[in-house]
Amino acid sequence: MLERLPEFASNHPLLIVMFAGLVVALIVTEIRHLKRGFASLSPALLTQLINRADPVVIDVSSSADFGRGHIVGARNILPSSIEPASKPLKDWKDSELAVYCKNGMVSEQICRKLVKAGFSKVHWLRGGLTAWVADQLPITRAKK
């Protein structure tokens, strides 16, 4: 089969270029994920982290979204209030932090900001509360 590879490549150069482009894009994406400085967690892995390490769970959704439902024990901090030098974040510098929002987009940016400010134990819930609910994990509407 390998002896026919040069023939295939000469007959289908566009496919070879597209394949090489996809491989390069995949490698670049993986390197970026490794260098970003925070862990990306599925809802199941976040559950394990909560059970094992009791992290500070931070919901960066709007107050209205937080009121509609959030992970039990989560604290609501608006993205505009996330300043690494401010209280309470300053007190949590050495704590495990698990950050999420409604769909994971805003919380990923907040995680980058925290890592840049020197926080080393930052975790991001991939897919946000939407993924959490899709996995049928519990939420609460109680204010914290």
C-alpha atoms as a PDB file:
ATOM      1  CA  MET A   1       0.000   0.000   0.000  1.00  0.00           C
ATOM      2  CA  LEU A   2       2.806   2.446   0.819  1.00  0.00           C
ATOM      3  CA  GLU A   3       4.366   1.855  -2.572  1.00  0.00           C
ATOM      4  CA  ARG A   4       1.257   3.445  -4.148  1.00  0.00           C
ATOM      5  CA  LEU A   5       1.454   6.576  -1.959  1.00  0.00           C
ATOM      6  CA  PRO A   6       3.673   8.571  -4.368  1.00  0.00           C
ATOM      7  CA  GLU A   7       1.270   7.778  -7.195  1.00  0.00           C
ATOM      8  CA  PHE A   8      -1.700   8.902  -5.078  1.00  0.00           C
ATOM      9  CA  ALA A   9       0.135  12.102  -4.080  1.00  0.00           C
ATOM     10  CA  SER A  10       0.951  12.966  -7.698  1.00  0.00           C
ATOM     11  CA  ASN A  11      -2.650  12.326  -8.789  1.00  0.00           C
ATOM     12  CA  HIS A  12      -4.234  14.233  -5.879  1.00  0.00           C
ATOM     13  CA  PRO A  13      -1.977  17.147  -4.853  1.00  0.00           C
ATOM     14  CA  LEU A  14      -4.894  19.207  -3.524  1.00  0.00           C
ATOM     15  CA  LEU A  15      -5.900  16.428  -1.128  1.00  0.00           C
ATOM     16  CA  ILE A  16      -2.307  16.131   0.095  1.00  0.00           C
ATOM     17  CA  VAL A  17      -2.071  19.898   0.714  1.00  0.00           C
ATOM     18  CA  MET A  18      -5.415  19.903   2.534  1.00  0.00           C
ATOM     19  CA  PHE A  19      -4.357  16.949   4.683  1.00  0.00           C
ATOM     20  CA  ALA A  20      -1.050  18.623   5.560  1.00  0.00           C
ATOM     21  CA  GLY A  21      -2.922  21.823   6.461  1.00  0.00           C
ATOM     22  CA  LEU A  22      -5.260  19.918   8.771  1.00  0.00           C
ATOM     23  CA  VAL A  23      -2.344  18.187  10.489  1.00  0.00           C
ATOM     24  CA  VAL A  24      -0.557  21.516  11.033  1.00  0.00           C
ATOM     25  CA  ALA A  25      -3.768  23.123  12.374  1.00  0.00           C
ATOM     26  CA  LEU A  26      -4.278  20.214  14.772  1.00  0.00           C
ATOM     27  CA  ILE A  27      -0.705  20.437  16.053  1.00  0.00           C
ATOM     28  CA  VAL A  28      -0.921  24.221  16.518  1.00  0.00           C
ATOM     29  CA  THR A  29      -4.232  23.882  18.381  1.00  0.00           C
ATOM     30  CA  GLU A  30      -2.828  21.246  20.720  1.00  0.00           C
ATOM     31  CA  ILE A  31       0.294  23.313  21.433  1.00  0.00           C
ATOM     32  CA  ARG A  32      -1.879  26.344  22.223  1.00  0.00           C
ATOM     33  CA  HIS A  33      -3.983  24.244  24.620  1.00  0.00           C
ATOM     34  CA  LEU A  34      -0.877  22.992  26.395  1.00  0.00           C
ATOM     35  CA  LYS A  35       0.591  26.493  26.739  1.00  0.00           C
ATOM     36  CA  ARG A  36      -2.545  28.301  27.917  1.00  0.00           C
ATOM     37  CA  GLY A  37      -1.825  27.567  31.576  1.00  0.00           C
ATOM     38  CA  PHE A  38      -5.192  26.287  32.747  1.00  0.00           C
ATOM     39  CA  ALA A  39      -6.942  22.947  32.618  1.00  0.00           C
ATOM     40  CA  SER A  40      -9.984  22.352  30.474  1.00  0.00           C
ATOM     41  CA  LEU A  41     -12.451  20.125  32.305  1.00  0.00           C
ATOM     42  CA  SER A  42     -15.530  18.230  31.258  1.00  0.00           C
ATOM     43  CA  PRO A  43     -18.460  18.289  33.682  1.00  0.00           C
ATOM     44  CA  ALA A  44     -17.454  14.827  34.935  1.00  0.00           C
ATOM     45  CA  LEU A  45     -13.883  15.950  35.630  1.00  0.00           C
ATOM     46  CA  LEU A  46     -15.125  19.090  37.381  1.00  0.00           C
ATOM     47  CA  THR A  47     -17.299  16.886  39.589  1.00  0.00           C
ATOM     48  CA  GLN A  48     -14.209  14.848  40.495  1.00  0.00           C
ATOM     49  CA  LEU A  49     -12.273  18.040  41.247  1.00  0.00           C
ATOM     50  CA  ILE A  50     -15.088  19.321  43.467  1.00  0.00           C
ATOM     51  CA  ASN A  51     -15.154  16.026  45.374  1.00  0.00           C
ATOM     52  CA  ARG A  52     -11.358  15.777  45.648  1.00  0.00           C
ATOM     53  CA  ALA A  53     -10.047  19.319  46.144  1.00  0.00           C
ATOM     54  CA  ASP A  54     -13.027  21.505  47.065  1.00  0.00           C
ATOM     55  CA  PRO A  55     -12.152  24.309  44.625  1.00  0.00           C
ATOM     56  CA  VAL A  56     -13.598  27.815  44.640  1.00  0.00           C
ATOM     57  CA  VAL A  57     -16.256  27.552  41.925  1.00  0.00           C
ATOM     58  CA  ILE A  58     -16.772  30.882  40.174  1.00  0.00           C
ATOM     59  CA  ASP A  59     -19.712  31.588  37.881  1.00  0.00           C
ATOM     60  CA  VAL A  60     -18.962  34.600  35.667  1.00  0.00           C
ATOM     61  CA  SER A  61     -22.448  34.692  34.141  1.00  0.00           C
ATOM     62  CA  SER A  62     -24.748  37.655  34.526  1.00  0.00           C
ATOM     63  CA  SER A  63     -26.655  37.951  37.794  1.00  0.00           C
ATOM     64  CA  ALA A  64     -29.870  37.067  35.959  1.00  0.00           C
ATOM     65  CA  ASP A  65     -28.353  33.872  34.508  1.00  0.00           C
ATOM     66  CA  PHE A  66     -26.891  32.998  37.913  1.00  0.00           C
ATOM     67  CA  GLY A  67     -30.353  33.392  39.447  1.00  0.00           C
ATOM     68  CA  ARG A  68     -31.838  30.993  36.875  1.00  0.00           C
ATOM     69  CA  GLY A  69     -29.493  28.252  38.031  1.00  0.00           C
ATOM     70  CA  HIS A  70     -25.873  27.559  38.896  1.00  0.00           C
ATOM     71  CA  ILE A  71     -23.596  24.841  40.212  1.00  0.00           C
ATOM     72  CA  VAL A  72     -24.148  24.178  43.905  1.00  0.00           C
ATOM     73  CA  GLY A  73     -21.718  26.254  45.959  1.00  0.00           C
ATOM     74  CA  ALA A  74     -20.717  28.551  43.079  1.00  0.00           C
ATOM     75  CA  ARG A  75     -19.990  32.224  43.665  1.00  0.00           C
ATOM     76  CA  ASN A  76     -21.218  34.752  41.122  1.00  0.00           C
ATOM     77  CA  ILE A  77     -18.574  37.283  40.103  1.00  0.00           C
ATOM     78  CA  LEU A  78     -19.280  39.440  37.073  1.00  0.00           C
ATOM     79  CA  PRO A  79     -16.539  39.492  34.423  1.00  0.00           C
ATOM     80  CA  SER A  80     -16.181  43.258  34.838  1.00  0.00           C
ATOM     81  CA  SER A  81     -15.396  42.680  38.536  1.00  0.00           C
ATOM     82  CA  ILE A  82     -12.616  40.186  37.904  1.00  0.00           C
ATOM     83  CA  GLU A  83      -9.509  42.020  38.977  1.00  0.00           C
ATOM     84  CA  PRO A  84      -6.782  39.687  40.272  1.00  0.00           C
ATOM     85  CA  ALA A  85      -5.634  42.207  42.892  1.00  0.00           C
ATOM     86  CA  SER A  86      -9.125  42.720  44.318  1.00  0.00           C
ATOM     87  CA  LYS A  87     -10.732  40.878  47.170  1.00  0.00           C
ATOM     88  CA  PRO A  88     -11.773  38.028  47.186  1.00  0.00           C
ATOM     89  CA  LEU A  89      -9.611  36.910  44.254  1.00  0.00           C
ATOM     90  CA  LYS A  90      -6.478  38.038  46.060  1.00  0.00           C
ATOM     91  CA  ASP A  91      -7.343  35.670  48.907  1.00  0.00           C
ATOM     92  CA  TRP A  92      -7.791  32.790  46.442  1.00  0.00           C
ATOM     93  CA  LYS A  93      -4.401  33.182  44.710  1.00  0.00           C
ATOM     94  CA  ASP A  94      -3.195  29.782  45.971  1.00  0.00           C
ATOM     95  CA  SER A  95      -6.589  28.055  45.818  1.00  0.00           C
ATOM     96  CA  GLU A  96      -7.973  25.775  43.152  1.00  0.00           C
ATOM     97  CA  LEU A  97     -10.335  27.871  41.004  1.00  0.00           C
ATOM     98  CA  ALA A  98     -12.998  26.403  38.742  1.00  0.00           C
ATOM     99  CA  VAL A  99     -14.440  29.043  36.420  1.00  0.00           C
ATOM    100  CA  TYR A 100     -17.508  28.717  34.229  1.00  0.00           C
ATOM    101  CA  CYS A 101     -20.222  30.757  32.527  1.00  0.00           C
ATOM    102  CA  LYS A 102     -23.325  29.916  30.536  1.00  0.00           C
ATOM    103  CA  ASN A 103     -21.567  28.405  27.509  1.00  0.00           C
ATOM    104  CA  GLY A 104     -17.838  28.576  28.296  1.00  0.00           C
ATOM    105  CA  MET A 105     -16.804  31.451  26.057  1.00  0.00           C
ATOM    106  CA  VAL A 106     -16.481  34.255  28.629  1.00  0.00           C
ATOM    107  CA  SER A 107     -15.067  31.983  31.316  1.00  0.00           C
ATOM    108  CA  GLU A 108     -12.239  30.869  29.023  1.00  0.00           C
ATOM    109  CA  GLN A 109     -11.183  34.513  28.612  1.00  0.00           C
ATOM    110  CA  ILE A 110     -11.389  35.028  32.385  1.00  0.00           C
ATOM    111  CA  CYS A 111      -9.164  31.967  32.922  1.00  0.00           C
ATOM    112  CA  ARG A 112      -6.560  33.447  30.564  1.00  0.00           C
ATOM    113  CA  LYS A 113      -6.698  36.703  32.523  1.00  0.00           C
ATOM    114  CA  LEU A 114      -6.237  34.880  35.847  1.00  0.00           C
ATOM    115  CA  VAL A 115      -3.298  32.822  34.587  1.00  0.00           C
ATOM    116  CA  LYS A 116      -1.660  35.965  33.217  1.00  0.00           C
ATOM    117  CA  ALA A 117      -2.072  37.539  36.677  1.00  0.00           C
ATOM    118  CA  GLY A 118      -0.194  34.656  38.307  1.00  0.00           C
ATOM    119  CA  PHE A 119      -2.950  32.258  39.355  1.00  0.00           C
ATOM    120  CA  SER A 120      -1.623  28.738  38.864  1.00  0.00           C
ATOM    121  CA  LYS A 121      -4.511  26.441  39.817  1.00  0.00           C
ATOM    122  CA  VAL A 122      -7.153  27.564  37.329  1.00  0.00           C
ATOM    123  CA  HIS A 123      -9.664  25.180  35.781  1.00  0.00           C
ATOM    124  CA  TRP A 124     -12.191  25.950  33.042  1.00  0.00           C
ATOM    125  CA  LEU A 125     -15.501  24.125  32.570  1.00  0.00           C
ATOM    126  CA  ARG A 126     -15.546  23.366  28.859  1.00  0.00           C
ATOM    127  CA  GLY A 127     -19.033  24.072  27.535  1.00  0.00           C
ATOM    128  CA  GLY A 128     -20.051  25.963  30.669  1.00  0.00           C
ATOM    129  CA  LEU A 129     -23.297  25.455  32.527  1.00  0.00           C
ATOM    130  CA  THR A 130     -24.911  24.250  29.293  1.00  0.00           C
ATOM    131  CA  ALA A 131     -22.606  21.202  29.277  1.00  0.00           C
ATOM    132  CA  TRP A 132     -23.161  20.707  33.020  1.00  0.00           C
ATOM    133  CA  VAL A 133     -26.952  20.621  32.573  1.00  0.00           C
ATOM    134  CA  ALA A 134     -26.664  18.439  29.448  1.00  0.00           C
ATOM    135  CA  ASP A 135     -24.855  15.856  31.597  1.00  0.00           C
ATOM    136  CA  GLN A 136     -27.821  16.015  34.013  1.00  0.00           C
ATOM    137  CA  LEU A 137     -25.726  17.287  36.916  1.00  0.00           C
ATOM    138  CA  PRO A 138     -27.456  19.227  39.709  1.00  0.00           C
ATOM    139  CA  ILE A 139     -27.952  22.964  39.753  1.00  0.00           C
ATOM    140  CA  THR A 140     -29.496  25.234  42.355  1.00  0.00           C
ATOM    141  CA  ARG A 141     -31.247  28.572  42.331  1.00  0.00           C
ATOM    142  CA  ALA A 142     -30.270  29.450  45.906  1.00  0.00           C
ATOM    143  CA  LYS A 143     -28.236  32.645  46.223  1.00  0.00           C
ATOM    144  CA  LYS A 144     -24.720  32.349  47.594  1.00  0.00           C
END
